[in-house]
């Protein structure tokens, strides 16, 4: 697979990075199935980080606006995303 111009090496690196990216997405989908459905099925999205409009760490939004926002601080972003996953499940249950 050695190549004098580096093309084979770059191709292998690209495949490895894509494989890791797919693996990370599977992990997110497994850990946060309700957020995944929120994004894929209900045209929702999440925002992570504070901004000029909100001091919350994570927000769940829809085309109609803010659906849920987290507290300002969590022990980890994973904990905040887990809260968002539960909140979105409760929201979707009302549809």
C-alpha atoms as a PDB file:
ATOM      1  CA  UNK A   1       0.000   0.000   0.000  1.00  0.00           C
ATOM      2  CA  UNK A   2       3.033   2.252   0.048  1.00  0.00           C
ATOM      3  CA  UNK A   3       2.902   5.068  -2.424  1.00  0.00           C
ATOM      4  CA  UNK A   4       5.541   7.510  -3.512  1.00  0.00           C
ATOM      5  CA  UNK A   5       3.053  10.368  -3.724  1.00  0.00           C
ATOM      6  CA  UNK A   6       1.270   9.773  -0.403  1.00  0.00           C
ATOM      7  CA  UNK A   7      -2.167   9.152  -1.971  1.00  0.00           C
ATOM      8  CA  UNK A   8      -2.579   5.661  -0.514  1.00  0.00           C
ATOM      9  CA  UNK A   9      -1.551   6.879   2.946  1.00  0.00           C
ATOM     10  CA  UNK A  10      -4.008   9.801   2.811  1.00  0.00           C
ATOM     11  CA  UNK A  11      -6.788   7.487   1.645  1.00  0.00           C
ATOM     12  CA  UNK A  12      -6.193   5.106   4.561  1.00  0.00           C
ATOM     13  CA  UNK A  13      -6.126   8.007   7.046  1.00  0.00           C
ATOM     14  CA  UNK A  14      -9.433   9.297   5.623  1.00  0.00           C
ATOM     15  CA  UNK A  15     -11.047   5.852   6.022  1.00  0.00           C
ATOM     16  CA  UNK A  16      -9.850   5.595   9.627  1.00  0.00           C
ATOM     17  CA  UNK A  17     -11.169   9.082  10.484  1.00  0.00           C
ATOM     18  CA  UNK A  18     -14.530   8.310   8.862  1.00  0.00           C
ATOM     19  CA  UNK A  19     -14.732   5.040  10.777  1.00  0.00           C
ATOM     20  CA  UNK A  20     -14.079   6.860  14.072  1.00  0.00           C
ATOM     21  CA  UNK A  21     -16.678   9.488  13.159  1.00  0.00           C
ATOM     22  CA  UNK A  22     -19.313   6.799  12.486  1.00  0.00           C
ATOM     23  CA  UNK A  23     -18.411   5.108  15.768  1.00  0.00           C
ATOM     24  CA  UNK A  24     -18.841   8.386  17.681  1.00  0.00           C
ATOM     25  CA  UNK A  25     -22.234   8.967  16.053  1.00  0.00           C
ATOM     26  CA  UNK A  26     -23.388   5.490  17.038  1.00  0.00           C
ATOM     27  CA  UNK A  27     -22.338   6.245  20.588  1.00  0.00           C
ATOM     28  CA  UNK A  28     -24.320   9.498  20.623  1.00  0.00           C
ATOM     29  CA  UNK A  29     -27.348   7.756  19.122  1.00  0.00           C
ATOM     30  CA  UNK A  30     -27.140   4.976  21.699  1.00  0.00           C
ATOM     31  CA  UNK A  31     -26.612   7.304  24.643  1.00  0.00           C
ATOM     32  CA  UNK A  32     -29.231   9.874  23.625  1.00  0.00           C
ATOM     33  CA  UNK A  33     -31.920   8.140  21.557  1.00  0.00           C
ATOM     34  CA  UNK A  34     -34.524  10.821  22.252  1.00  0.00           C
ATOM     35  CA  UNK A  35     -32.222  13.642  21.173  1.00  0.00           C
ATOM     36  CA  UNK A  36     -31.413  11.669  18.046  1.00  0.00           C
ATOM     37  CA  UNK A  37     -35.113  11.299  17.247  1.00  0.00           C
ATOM     38  CA  UNK A  38     -35.670  14.972  18.087  1.00  0.00           C
ATOM     39  CA  UNK A  39     -33.118  15.978  15.485  1.00  0.00           C
ATOM     40  CA  UNK A  40     -33.947  13.409  12.798  1.00  0.00           C
ATOM     41  CA  UNK A  41     -37.725  13.100  13.110  1.00  0.00           C
ATOM     42  CA  UNK A  42     -39.042  16.292  14.652  1.00  0.00           C
ATOM     43  CA  UNK A  43     -36.789  18.852  12.907  1.00  0.00           C
ATOM     44  CA  UNK A  44     -35.421  19.909  16.270  1.00  0.00           C
ATOM     45  CA  UNK A  45     -31.896  20.769  17.254  1.00  0.00           C
ATOM     46  CA  UNK A  46     -29.790  21.267  20.334  1.00  0.00           C
ATOM     47  CA  UNK A  47     -27.513  24.119  21.289  1.00  0.00           C
ATOM     48  CA  UNK A  48     -24.616  23.596  23.660  1.00  0.00           C
ATOM     49  CA  UNK A  49     -22.973  26.467  25.481  1.00  0.00           C
ATOM     50  CA  UNK A  50     -24.003  29.788  26.900  1.00  0.00           C
ATOM     51  CA  UNK A  51     -24.758  32.714  24.623  1.00  0.00           C
ATOM     52  CA  UNK A  52     -26.068  36.265  24.862  1.00  0.00           C
ATOM     53  CA  UNK A  53     -29.663  34.983  25.044  1.00  0.00           C
ATOM     54  CA  UNK A  54     -29.286  32.237  27.653  1.00  0.00           C
ATOM     55  CA  UNK A  55     -27.032  31.178  30.505  1.00  0.00           C
ATOM     56  CA  UNK A  56     -28.114  27.524  30.240  1.00  0.00           C
ATOM     57  CA  UNK A  57     -25.588  24.902  29.177  1.00  0.00           C
ATOM     58  CA  UNK A  58     -27.850  22.945  26.773  1.00  0.00           C
ATOM     59  CA  UNK A  59     -31.036  23.938  24.983  1.00  0.00           C
ATOM     60  CA  UNK A  60     -33.500  21.912  22.907  1.00  0.00           C
ATOM     61  CA  UNK A  61     -35.154  23.943  20.183  1.00  0.00           C
ATOM     62  CA  UNK A  62     -37.736  23.451  17.480  1.00  0.00           C
ATOM     63  CA  UNK A  63     -38.837  25.601  14.565  1.00  0.00           C
ATOM     64  CA  UNK A  64     -41.354  27.079  17.040  1.00  0.00           C
ATOM     65  CA  UNK A  65     -38.638  28.138  19.483  1.00  0.00           C
ATOM     66  CA  UNK A  66     -37.159  27.023  22.779  1.00  0.00           C
ATOM     67  CA  UNK A  67     -38.588  23.756  24.085  1.00  0.00           C
ATOM     68  CA  UNK A  68     -36.271  23.118  27.041  1.00  0.00           C
ATOM     69  CA  UNK A  69     -33.181  24.582  28.633  1.00  0.00           C
ATOM     70  CA  UNK A  70     -30.839  23.135  31.207  1.00  0.00           C
ATOM     71  CA  UNK A  71     -29.463  24.587  34.369  1.00  0.00           C
ATOM     72  CA  UNK A  72     -26.463  26.852  34.139  1.00  0.00           C
ATOM     73  CA  UNK A  73     -23.964  24.315  35.480  1.00  0.00           C
ATOM     74  CA  UNK A  74     -23.560  20.537  35.460  1.00  0.00           C
ATOM     75  CA  UNK A  75     -20.830  18.200  36.592  1.00  0.00           C
ATOM     76  CA  UNK A  76     -20.369  17.226  32.927  1.00  0.00           C
ATOM     77  CA  UNK A  77     -21.838  17.959  29.521  1.00  0.00           C
ATOM     78  CA  UNK A  78     -22.867  14.303  29.429  1.00  0.00           C
ATOM     79  CA  UNK A  79     -25.104  14.926  32.468  1.00  0.00           C
ATOM     80  CA  UNK A  80     -26.654  17.946  30.754  1.00  0.00           C
ATOM     81  CA  UNK A  81     -27.277  15.958  27.576  1.00  0.00           C
ATOM     82  CA  UNK A  82     -28.878  13.157  29.611  1.00  0.00           C
ATOM     83  CA  UNK A  83     -31.266  15.723  31.131  1.00  0.00           C
ATOM     84  CA  UNK A  84     -32.005  17.051  27.646  1.00  0.00           C
ATOM     85  CA  UNK A  85     -32.684  13.524  26.411  1.00  0.00           C
ATOM     86  CA  UNK A  86     -35.256  12.984  29.183  1.00  0.00           C
ATOM     87  CA  UNK A  87     -36.846  16.393  28.615  1.00  0.00           C
ATOM     88  CA  UNK A  88     -37.203  15.850  24.887  1.00  0.00           C
ATOM     89  CA  UNK A  89     -38.799  12.431  25.520  1.00  0.00           C
ATOM     90  CA  UNK A  90     -41.378  14.128  27.761  1.00  0.00           C
ATOM     91  CA  UNK A  91     -41.991  16.825  25.126  1.00  0.00           C
ATOM     92  CA  UNK A  92     -42.456  14.320  22.311  1.00  0.00           C
ATOM     93  CA  UNK A  93     -44.903  12.335  24.464  1.00  0.00           C
ATOM     94  CA  UNK A  94     -47.257  15.351  24.329  1.00  0.00           C
ATOM     95  CA  UNK A  95     -47.399  15.296  20.488  1.00  0.00           C
END
